[in-house]
Amino acid sequence: MKLSLVYPVSFLLKLIFFFFYSLVLAAQENPLPDIDSRLEKVIRINRLKALKKAHQAPRELSRLGSMLFHEVELSGTRDINCASCHHPRFGTADAQAFSIGQGGSGLGTSRIQRSGGLTRRHSPHLLNLGYPEITHMFWDGRVARNPQTGAFTTPEPALNGANPTRADITSVLKSSLSAQTIFPIANALEMRGEFGNDVADAQGNLGAWDAVMKRLLFGPKGNEYLEQFRKAYPKNSRPGVFNIGHVGEALGSFLRTAFNVIDTPYDRYLNGDKTAMTNSEKKGLEVFAGRGKCIKCHNGDHLSNFEFKTVGTPQLTPAEYPAPFDRGRFEVTQKKSDLFKFKTPALRNLSITAPYMHNGVFNSLEKVIEHYDNPKESLASFSLSNASIDLSNYSSSFVIDRDETRNKLRINLISIGDVRRGLNLTPSEKADLLSFLKTGLLDYRFQGNR
């Protein structure tokens, strides 16, 4: 005997309606937290804080630094100054994949190599570097200062350790930033020149620095510079007292003061203004701290832990630097674990400092996001055509590292598993992340529409 139950259609419709109505009521009673509520948790868990203003330098010291920043007498060939590769118009960088040193001409995207020297790395920006917690400088960290002891580690042995032989120089330098500024002066490709001038022909770094000081204090501008050195360092009066350390400290003080830009929508939001960021920027911060895994390395007040990492960056190199090309931090430490690792950059104002990565292989933040979304594929498929890099200003030729062993190592050394395997972000997640990086972290002074 079979039993069959037959329900009227109207009854089934009422049942379905009641089911969905119950879901609506449940959602109203337990709504999903809004974006600001979700970000409160993100901020708390990751201890995110707005970046405070850097300590400002004394006016006369900063003024001397400004003079020196634009001074061609620091260059052996007198055709380049600090601003040539770190111009404010280009976010204190040079908008080039590879920095063109002495012998080149022009600024930014108009700078031409000609017979000039060419470095194998992108010129890093100088924004927000004047904080004591930033202890290592350059992409490979080859200039560093121990914050506890004040001891330096640099390419010049006379400046290094607890008892440096040139303590007269190191005693003036108060930060790794100040120490960093004096090394491009002594670099043949950057500012010094290779031969044929008093700076280039001097013996070693120390000789080059002494030659620069003679130019500044006894050259055509000697009286002007001596007066300004005395104002900047009022306890000193004799020309012989001043050395390259005084130049470095003045330059570092100027950079710390002039290029401290921290008024971003992100910072305002962290300071309590919930309207400072757009909804897309807010969701981008959520991706940044979540699915994007960015915050694993880009954390802390600066959105950087300043550690040395490899992220599978394609290795494009000027042909004059043969294999194994640029090995990054390894060239300083000689540790295999440091192969292909470069300093994690801070992220504020990065939308005005393109191109990106240590060798400038990505000319847009969109391409950076696509790389992190699948580093292995990005590395394997990299070519000059899909990278859209303009290399027309260079007289050098370029080589892409296709060595399978090295490229496999570049991927395997990525410390974050999710990044190594690929993030696989959705189009909307990529768009929101781009919004956060591009405008959420950009100082208001650079945002005309805000």
Protein backbone atom coordinates (compact mmCIF):
# COMPACT_ATOMS: atom_id res chain seq x y z
CA MET A 1 0.00 0.00 0.00
CA LYS A 2 1.47 3.36 -1.02
CA LEU A 3 0.85 6.69 0.63
CA SER A 4 1.21 9.91 -1.34
CA LEU A 5 1.11 13.40 0.04
CA VAL A 6 0.00 16.12 -2.28
CA TYR A 7 0.48 19.74 -1.24
CA PRO A 8 -1.22 22.63 -2.97
CA VAL A 9 1.12 24.90 -4.96
CA SER A 10 0.07 27.85 -2.83
CA PHE A 11 1.26 26.05 0.29
CA LEU A 12 4.69 25.37 -1.23
CA LEU A 13 5.06 29.01 -2.28
CA LYS A 14 4.20 30.13 1.25
CA LEU A 15 6.79 27.71 2.65
CA ILE A 16 9.49 29.04 0.32
CA PHE A 17 8.57 32.63 1.16
CA PHE A 18 8.74 31.89 4.89
CA PHE A 19 12.18 30.29 4.46
CA PHE A 20 13.70 33.32 2.68
CA TYR A 21 11.94 35.75 5.03
CA SER A 22 13.58 33.97 7.97
CA LEU A 23 16.98 34.39 6.31
CA VAL A 24 16.37 38.12 5.88
CA LEU A 25 15.39 38.52 9.52
CA ALA A 26 18.47 36.58 10.62
CA ALA A 27 20.70 38.80 8.49
CA GLN A 28 19.14 41.93 10.01
CA GLU A 29 19.66 40.63 13.52
CA ASN A 30 23.28 39.57 12.77
CA PRO A 31 24.48 41.84 9.97
CA LEU A 32 27.98 41.50 8.53
CA PRO A 33 30.26 44.14 10.03
CA ASP A 34 30.81 47.13 7.77
CA ILE A 35 34.21 47.90 6.28
CA ASP A 36 35.22 50.32 9.07
CA SER A 37 34.37 47.76 11.73
CA ARG A 38 36.37 45.12 9.91
CA LEU A 39 39.33 47.47 9.56
CA GLU A 40 39.27 48.20 13.28
CA LYS A 41 40.18 44.55 13.80
CA VAL A 42 42.84 44.68 11.06
CA ILE A 43 44.41 47.76 12.63
CA ARG A 44 44.35 46.28 16.12
CA ILE A 45 45.78 42.89 15.13
CA ASN A 46 48.56 44.39 13.01
CA ARG A 47 49.23 47.32 15.35
CA LEU A 48 49.00 49.82 12.52
CA LYS A 49 49.82 53.41 13.41
CA ALA A 50 50.08 56.68 11.53
CA LEU A 51 53.65 57.75 10.80
CA LYS A 52 54.73 60.64 12.98
CA LYS A 53 56.70 63.55 11.64
CA ALA A 54 60.45 63.04 11.56
CA HIS A 55 62.68 65.11 13.82
CA GLN A 56 63.42 68.34 11.98
CA ALA A 57 67.01 69.45 11.49
CA PRO A 58 68.39 72.85 12.58
CA ARG A 59 67.75 75.42 9.86
CA GLU A 60 71.37 76.25 9.04
CA LEU A 61 72.36 72.58 8.88
CA SER A 62 69.45 71.80 6.57
CA ARG A 63 70.30 74.84 4.44
CA LEU A 64 73.87 73.61 4.00
CA GLY A 65 72.48 70.21 3.05
CA SER A 66 70.24 71.80 0.43
CA MET A 67 73.20 73.64 -1.08
CA LEU A 68 75.22 70.43 -1.23
CA PHE A 69 72.31 68.42 -2.66
CA HIS A 70 72.39 70.66 -5.74
CA GLU A 71 76.18 71.08 -5.89
CA VAL A 72 78.06 69.73 -8.95
CA GLU A 73 81.39 70.19 -7.14
CA LEU A 74 80.61 66.91 -5.38
CA SER A 75 81.00 65.23 -8.75
CA GLY A 76 84.46 64.49 -10.09
CA THR A 77 83.31 65.44 -13.59
CA ARG A 78 81.24 68.40 -12.36
CA ASP A 79 78.27 67.30 -14.49
CA ILE A 80 76.00 65.70 -11.90
CA ASN A 81 74.65 66.37 -8.42
CA CYS A 82 72.44 64.46 -5.99
CA ALA A 83 69.28 65.89 -7.55
CA SER A 84 70.21 64.44 -10.94
CA CYS A 85 69.14 61.00 -9.74
CA HIS A 86 66.88 62.03 -6.84
CA HIS A 87 64.80 64.87 -8.21
CA PRO A 88 61.67 65.98 -6.31
CA ARG A 89 59.80 66.17 -9.63
CA PHE A 90 60.14 62.38 -9.89
CA GLY A 91 59.37 61.55 -6.27
CA THR A 92 63.06 61.98 -5.30
CA ALA A 93 64.01 59.20 -7.73
CA ASP A 94 64.81 59.45 -11.45
CA ALA A 95 61.94 57.62 -13.23
CA GLN A 96 64.48 55.33 -14.93
CA ALA A 97 64.91 51.56 -14.69
CA PHE A 98 68.67 52.00 -14.17
CA SER A 99 70.34 55.06 -12.72
CA ILE A 100 72.58 57.02 -15.11
CA GLY A 101 75.57 58.54 -13.35
CA GLN A 102 78.33 60.95 -14.42
CA GLY A 103 78.63 61.50 -18.15
CA GLY A 104 74.87 61.46 -18.67
CA SER A 105 72.65 64.47 -19.29
CA GLY A 106 69.09 65.55 -18.57
CA LEU A 107 66.64 64.66 -15.82
CA GLY A 108 64.14 61.88 -15.26
CA THR A 109 62.68 60.26 -18.36
CA SER A 110 64.74 62.70 -20.45
CA ARG A 111 68.06 61.66 -18.93
CA ILE A 112 70.35 60.12 -21.57
CA GLN A 113 73.28 57.83 -20.86
CA ARG A 114 75.64 58.83 -23.71
CA SER A 115 79.12 57.86 -22.50
CA GLY A 116 78.11 57.95 -18.86
CA GLY A 117 78.25 55.24 -16.27
CA LEU A 118 75.23 52.99 -15.77
CA THR A 119 74.40 51.29 -12.50
CA ARG A 120 72.64 47.94 -12.38
CA ARG A 121 69.88 49.08 -10.03
CA HIS A 122 66.95 51.45 -9.96
CA SER A 123 67.65 54.67 -8.08
CA PRO A 124 65.72 54.41 -4.78
CA HIS A 125 63.64 57.35 -3.60
CA LEU A 126 64.64 59.44 -0.57
CA LEU A 127 61.20 59.88 1.03
CA ASN A 128 60.79 59.36 4.78
CA LEU A 129 64.25 57.89 5.34
CA GLY A 130 65.19 60.10 8.27
CA TYR A 131 63.94 57.90 11.10
CA PRO A 132 66.34 56.23 13.58
CA GLU A 133 64.65 52.83 13.15
CA ILE A 134 65.79 52.74 9.51
CA THR A 135 69.26 51.35 10.07
CA HIS A 136 70.25 49.96 6.62
CA MET A 137 70.66 51.93 3.40
CA PHE A 138 70.86 51.02 -0.28
CA TRP A 139 69.01 48.09 -1.84
CA ASP A 140 71.56 45.66 -0.37
CA GLY A 141 71.99 47.36 3.00
CA ARG A 142 75.72 47.85 2.55
CA VAL A 143 75.66 50.99 4.72
CA ALA A 144 74.28 50.41 8.20
CA ARG A 145 74.47 51.86 11.68
CA ASN A 146 74.00 49.94 14.91
CA PRO A 147 71.34 51.89 16.86
CA GLN A 148 72.70 50.71 20.23
CA THR A 149 76.44 51.32 19.73
CA GLY A 150 76.42 53.83 16.88
CA ALA A 151 79.01 51.71 15.03
CA PHE A 152 78.90 51.75 11.23
CA THR A 153 79.21 48.99 8.67
CA THR A 154 80.12 50.41 5.26
CA PRO A 155 82.21 49.63 2.16
CA GLU A 156 84.96 51.82 3.66
CA PRO A 157 86.90 49.96 6.41
CA ALA A 158 88.18 53.20 7.97
CA LEU A 159 84.62 54.04 9.05
CA ASN A 160 83.66 50.67 10.48
CA GLY A 161 83.41 49.16 13.93
CA ALA A 162 83.56 50.40 17.47
CA ASN A 163 86.96 52.10 17.03
CA PRO A 164 87.16 53.35 13.43
CA THR A 165 90.46 54.80 12.26
CA ARG A 166 88.57 57.79 10.86
CA ALA A 167 86.57 58.57 13.96
CA ASP A 168 86.79 62.24 13.00
CA ILE A 169 84.34 61.40 10.19
CA THR A 170 82.05 58.92 11.96
CA SER A 171 81.72 61.08 15.08
CA VAL A 172 79.90 63.67 12.97
CA LEU A 173 77.54 61.22 11.25
CA LYS A 174 74.42 60.66 13.36
CA SER A 175 72.48 58.24 11.15
CA SER A 176 72.81 55.61 8.46
CA LEU A 177 71.09 58.05 6.09
CA SER A 178 73.85 60.62 6.62
CA ALA A 179 76.52 57.95 6.10
CA GLN A 180 74.84 56.73 2.93
CA THR A 181 75.01 60.13 1.24
CA ILE A 182 78.81 60.21 0.98
CA PHE A 183 79.24 56.95 -0.94
CA PRO A 184 77.81 57.97 -4.34
CA ILE A 185 80.42 60.76 -4.27
CA ALA A 186 83.20 58.15 -4.22
CA ASN A 187 81.58 55.79 -6.74
CA ALA A 188 83.17 55.95 -10.21
CA LEU A 189 79.93 55.23 -12.07
CA GLU A 190 77.73 57.52 -10.03
CA MET A 191 79.51 60.83 -9.29
CA ARG A 192 83.27 60.35 -9.08
CA GLY A 193 84.25 59.50 -12.66
CA GLU A 194 86.85 56.92 -13.60
CA PHE A 195 89.90 59.08 -14.36
CA GLY A 196 91.06 62.51 -15.46
CA ASN A 197 89.98 64.71 -12.54
CA ASP A 198 91.20 65.40 -9.02
CA VAL A 199 88.46 63.35 -7.36
CA ALA A 200 88.67 60.32 -9.65
CA ASP A 201 92.46 60.22 -9.55
CA ALA A 202 92.65 60.40 -5.75
CA GLN A 203 93.49 57.30 -3.72
CA GLY A 204 90.43 55.32 -2.58
CA ASN A 205 87.27 56.61 -0.93
CA LEU A 206 89.16 58.72 1.60
CA GLY A 207 91.21 60.43 -1.10
CA ALA A 208 88.12 61.20 -3.16
CA TRP A 209 86.36 62.68 -0.15
CA ASP A 210 89.38 64.84 0.73
CA ALA A 211 89.49 66.12 -2.86
CA VAL A 212 85.82 67.10 -2.66
CA MET A 213 86.39 68.98 0.60
CA LYS A 214 89.25 70.95 -1.01
CA ARG A 215 86.93 71.95 -3.83
CA LEU A 216 84.21 73.07 -1.45
CA LEU A 217 86.37 75.02 1.00
CA PHE A 218 89.18 76.31 -1.23
CA GLY A 219 87.56 76.42 -4.66
CA PRO A 220 85.66 79.30 -6.33
CA LYS A 221 82.80 78.96 -3.80
CA GLY A 222 85.12 78.47 -0.85
CA ASN A 223 84.19 81.61 1.09
CA GLU A 224 80.46 80.96 0.69
CA TYR A 225 80.74 77.34 1.78
CA LEU A 226 83.09 78.05 4.67
CA GLU A 227 80.62 80.60 6.03
CA GLN A 228 77.73 78.13 5.74
CA PHE A 229 79.72 75.27 7.31
CA ARG A 230 80.49 77.54 10.26
CA LYS A 231 76.81 78.44 10.65
CA ALA A 232 75.77 74.80 10.42
CA TYR A 233 78.47 73.69 12.87
CA PRO A 234 78.95 76.72 15.14
CA LYS A 235 81.43 74.93 17.43
CA ASN A 236 83.89 74.66 14.52
CA SER A 237 85.58 77.57 12.77
CA ARG A 238 88.73 76.41 10.92
CA PRO A 239 88.48 74.96 7.40
CA GLY A 240 90.75 72.05 8.34
CA VAL A 241 88.26 70.84 10.93
CA PHE A 242 85.55 70.10 8.36
CA ASN A 243 85.56 66.74 6.61
CA ILE A 244 83.25 64.57 4.52
CA GLY A 245 81.35 63.63 7.67
CA HIS A 246 80.11 67.21 7.91
CA VAL A 247 78.94 66.99 4.31
CA GLY A 248 77.13 63.72 4.98
CA GLU A 249 75.44 64.93 8.16
CA ALA A 250 74.23 68.11 6.41
CA LEU A 251 72.88 66.11 3.45
CA GLY A 252 71.16 63.61 5.75
CA SER A 253 69.62 66.40 7.80
CA PHE A 254 68.28 68.09 4.66
CA LEU A 255 66.78 64.83 3.36
CA ARG A 256 65.16 64.07 6.70
CA THR A 257 63.48 67.48 6.80
CA ALA A 258 62.70 68.25 3.15
CA PHE A 259 61.45 64.83 2.06
CA ASN A 260 59.26 63.90 5.03
CA VAL A 261 55.80 63.41 3.44
CA ILE A 262 53.33 61.57 5.65
CA ASP A 263 49.91 63.22 5.24
CA THR A 264 48.19 60.37 3.41
CA PRO A 265 44.53 59.25 3.52
CA TYR A 266 45.78 56.12 5.26
CA ASP A 267 47.48 58.15 8.02
CA ARG A 268 44.43 60.36 8.45
CA TYR A 269 42.24 57.28 8.69
CA LEU A 270 44.48 55.79 11.38
CA ASN A 271 44.24 59.10 13.23
CA GLY A 272 40.46 58.75 13.40
CA ASP A 273 39.07 60.33 10.23
CA LYS A 274 36.84 57.57 8.84
CA THR A 275 36.10 59.64 5.73
CA ALA A 276 39.76 60.05 4.77
CA MET A 277 39.87 56.93 2.59
CA THR A 278 37.42 55.97 -0.15
CA ASN A 279 35.50 52.72 0.14
CA SER A 280 37.75 51.14 -2.48
CA GLU A 281 40.89 52.23 -0.60
CA LYS A 282 39.47 50.77 2.60
CA LYS A 283 38.73 47.45 0.93
CA GLY A 284 42.21 47.60 -0.57
CA LEU A 285 43.70 47.88 2.91
CA GLU A 286 41.68 44.82 3.85
CA VAL A 287 43.16 42.91 0.88
CA PHE A 288 46.63 44.29 1.75
CA ALA A 289 46.39 42.82 5.27
CA GLY A 290 44.52 39.66 4.25
CA ARG A 291 44.42 37.83 0.95
CA GLY A 292 47.22 39.90 -0.55
CA LYS A 293 49.68 38.91 2.22
CA CYS A 294 51.42 42.28 1.70
CA ILE A 295 51.49 43.01 5.40
CA LYS A 296 53.71 40.00 6.06
CA CYS A 297 56.65 42.17 4.97
CA HIS A 298 55.12 45.64 4.62
CA ASN A 299 54.18 46.13 8.25
CA GLY A 300 54.94 48.53 11.09
CA ASP A 301 54.68 52.30 11.05
CA HIS A 302 56.52 52.53 7.72
CA LEU A 303 54.69 49.60 6.10
CA SER A 304 58.05 47.86 5.87
CA ASN A 305 59.99 45.59 8.19
CA PHE A 306 63.13 46.70 6.28
CA GLU A 307 64.26 43.09 6.05
CA PHE A 308 65.89 41.62 2.96
CA LYS A 309 63.63 39.46 0.80
CA THR A 310 63.44 37.87 -2.61
CA VAL A 311 60.09 37.97 -4.40
CA GLY A 312 61.04 36.32 -7.67
CA THR A 313 61.79 39.56 -9.48
CA PRO A 314 62.83 39.03 -13.12
CA GLN A 315 66.52 39.84 -13.49
CA LEU A 316 67.11 42.42 -16.19
CA THR A 317 70.69 43.72 -16.17
CA PRO A 318 72.93 45.99 -18.28
CA ALA A 319 75.13 43.70 -20.39
CA GLU A 320 78.32 45.05 -18.82
CA TYR A 321 77.39 43.16 -15.62
CA PRO A 322 77.83 39.47 -16.60
CA ALA A 323 76.33 36.38 -14.97
CA PRO A 324 75.50 35.65 -12.21
CA PHE A 325 74.21 39.23 -12.43
CA ASP A 326 72.89 40.98 -9.31
CA ARG A 327 72.90 38.73 -6.24
CA GLY A 328 71.65 41.43 -3.86
CA ARG A 329 72.30 41.17 -0.14
CA PHE A 330 74.56 38.14 -0.72
CA GLU A 331 77.22 40.46 -2.15
CA VAL A 332 77.45 42.15 1.26
CA THR A 333 77.13 39.17 3.60
CA GLN A 334 78.36 36.27 1.39
CA LYS A 335 75.59 34.13 2.94
CA LYS A 336 73.79 31.82 0.53
CA SER A 337 70.55 32.49 2.37
CA ASP A 338 70.84 36.13 1.23
CA LEU A 339 70.99 35.35 -2.49
CA PHE A 340 68.81 37.63 -4.63
CA LYS A 341 67.46 39.42 -1.56
CA PHE A 342 66.87 43.18 -1.47
CA LYS A 343 65.61 45.57 1.18
CA THR A 344 61.85 45.73 1.59
CA PRO A 345 60.88 49.31 0.70
CA ALA A 346 58.44 51.47 2.62
CA LEU A 347 55.23 52.18 0.69
CA ARG A 348 54.04 55.72 1.30
CA ASN A 349 53.96 57.81 -1.90
CA LEU A 350 55.06 54.86 -4.02
CA SER A 351 52.71 55.86 -6.84
CA ILE A 352 55.05 58.77 -7.69
CA THR A 353 58.28 56.75 -7.61
CA ALA A 354 57.88 54.38 -10.59
CA PRO A 355 59.42 52.19 -11.91
CA TYR A 356 59.47 49.48 -9.28
CA MET A 357 61.69 46.72 -7.84
CA HIS A 358 65.46 46.92 -7.43
CA ASN A 359 65.99 46.98 -11.20
CA GLY A 360 62.91 48.91 -12.25
CA VAL A 361 61.43 46.05 -14.29
CA PHE A 362 57.81 47.05 -13.62
CA ASN A 363 56.69 50.48 -14.78
CA SER A 364 53.30 50.46 -13.01
CA LEU A 365 51.71 49.27 -9.79
CA GLU A 366 49.30 47.20 -11.88
CA LYS A 367 52.25 45.15 -13.14
CA VAL A 368 53.61 44.81 -9.60
CA ILE A 369 50.30 43.40 -8.39
CA GLU A 370 50.16 40.99 -11.34
CA HIS A 371 53.68 39.81 -10.49
CA TYR A 372 52.80 39.06 -6.87
CA ASP A 373 49.63 37.32 -8.01
CA ASN A 374 51.76 34.68 -9.76
CA PRO A 375 55.55 35.23 -9.35
CA LYS A 376 56.53 31.99 -11.04
CA GLU A 377 54.60 32.78 -14.20
CA SER A 378 55.75 36.43 -14.12
CA LEU A 379 59.39 35.38 -13.91
CA ALA A 380 59.07 32.73 -16.63
CA SER A 381 57.21 34.94 -19.11
CA PHE A 382 59.10 38.19 -18.55
CA SER A 383 60.26 39.99 -21.67
CA LEU A 384 61.03 43.57 -22.58
CA SER A 385 57.91 43.76 -24.72
CA ASN A 386 55.43 42.71 -22.03
CA ALA A 387 57.27 44.74 -19.39
CA SER A 388 56.81 47.96 -21.40
CA ILE A 389 60.12 49.35 -20.14
CA ASP A 390 61.55 52.23 -22.14
CA LEU A 391 65.28 51.64 -22.60
CA SER A 392 65.75 54.10 -25.46
CA ASN A 393 67.75 56.55 -23.34
CA TYR A 394 70.54 54.05 -22.76
CA SER A 395 73.55 53.32 -24.95
CA SER A 396 74.08 50.04 -23.07
CA SER A 397 72.42 46.79 -24.12
CA PHE A 398 70.55 44.57 -21.67
CA VAL A 399 70.32 40.90 -20.74
CA ILE A 400 67.50 38.92 -19.08
CA ASP A 401 68.64 36.08 -16.81
CA ARG A 402 67.09 32.90 -18.25
CA ASP A 403 69.15 30.49 -16.18
CA GLU A 404 66.72 27.88 -14.85
CA THR A 405 68.70 27.11 -11.71
CA ARG A 406 68.98 30.73 -10.62
CA ASN A 407 65.36 31.50 -11.45
CA LYS A 408 64.14 28.43 -9.58
CA LEU A 409 66.14 29.62 -6.58
CA ARG A 410 64.60 33.10 -6.89
CA ILE A 411 61.17 31.50 -6.51
CA ASN A 412 62.07 28.92 -3.84
CA LEU A 413 63.63 31.58 -1.61
CA ILE A 414 60.34 33.50 -1.37
CA SER A 415 59.67 33.21 2.36
CA ILE A 416 55.87 33.54 2.24
CA GLY A 417 54.30 30.33 0.97
CA ASP A 418 51.12 31.94 -0.32
CA VAL A 419 53.13 34.40 -2.39
CA ARG A 420 55.46 31.68 -3.66
CA ARG A 421 52.47 29.61 -4.83
CA GLY A 422 50.58 32.62 -6.20
CA LEU A 423 47.85 34.74 -4.60
CA ASN A 424 45.15 34.30 -7.27
CA LEU A 425 43.37 37.52 -6.34
CA THR A 426 40.03 38.34 -7.93
CA PRO A 427 39.75 41.30 -10.33
CA SER A 428 37.89 43.32 -7.69
CA GLU A 429 40.51 42.52 -5.05
CA LYS A 430 43.26 43.68 -7.42
CA ALA A 431 41.37 46.89 -8.20
CA ASP A 432 40.85 47.71 -4.53
CA LEU A 433 44.45 46.86 -3.62
CA LEU A 434 45.62 49.14 -6.44
CA SER A 435 43.40 51.92 -5.12
CA PHE A 436 44.91 51.63 -1.64
CA LEU A 437 48.49 51.56 -2.91
CA LYS A 438 48.02 54.27 -5.51
CA THR A 439 46.01 56.93 -3.68
CA GLY A 440 45.39 55.65 -0.15
CA LEU A 441 49.14 55.90 0.55
CA LEU A 442 49.74 59.11 -1.41
CA ASP A 443 50.34 62.38 0.42
CA TYR A 444 47.45 64.84 0.01
CA ARG A 445 49.79 67.41 -1.53
CA PHE A 446 50.07 65.19 -4.61
CA GLN A 447 46.33 64.60 -4.99
CA GLY A 448 44.70 67.45 -6.86
CA ASN A 449 41.26 65.81 -6.82
CA ARG A 450 41.24 65.64 -3.01
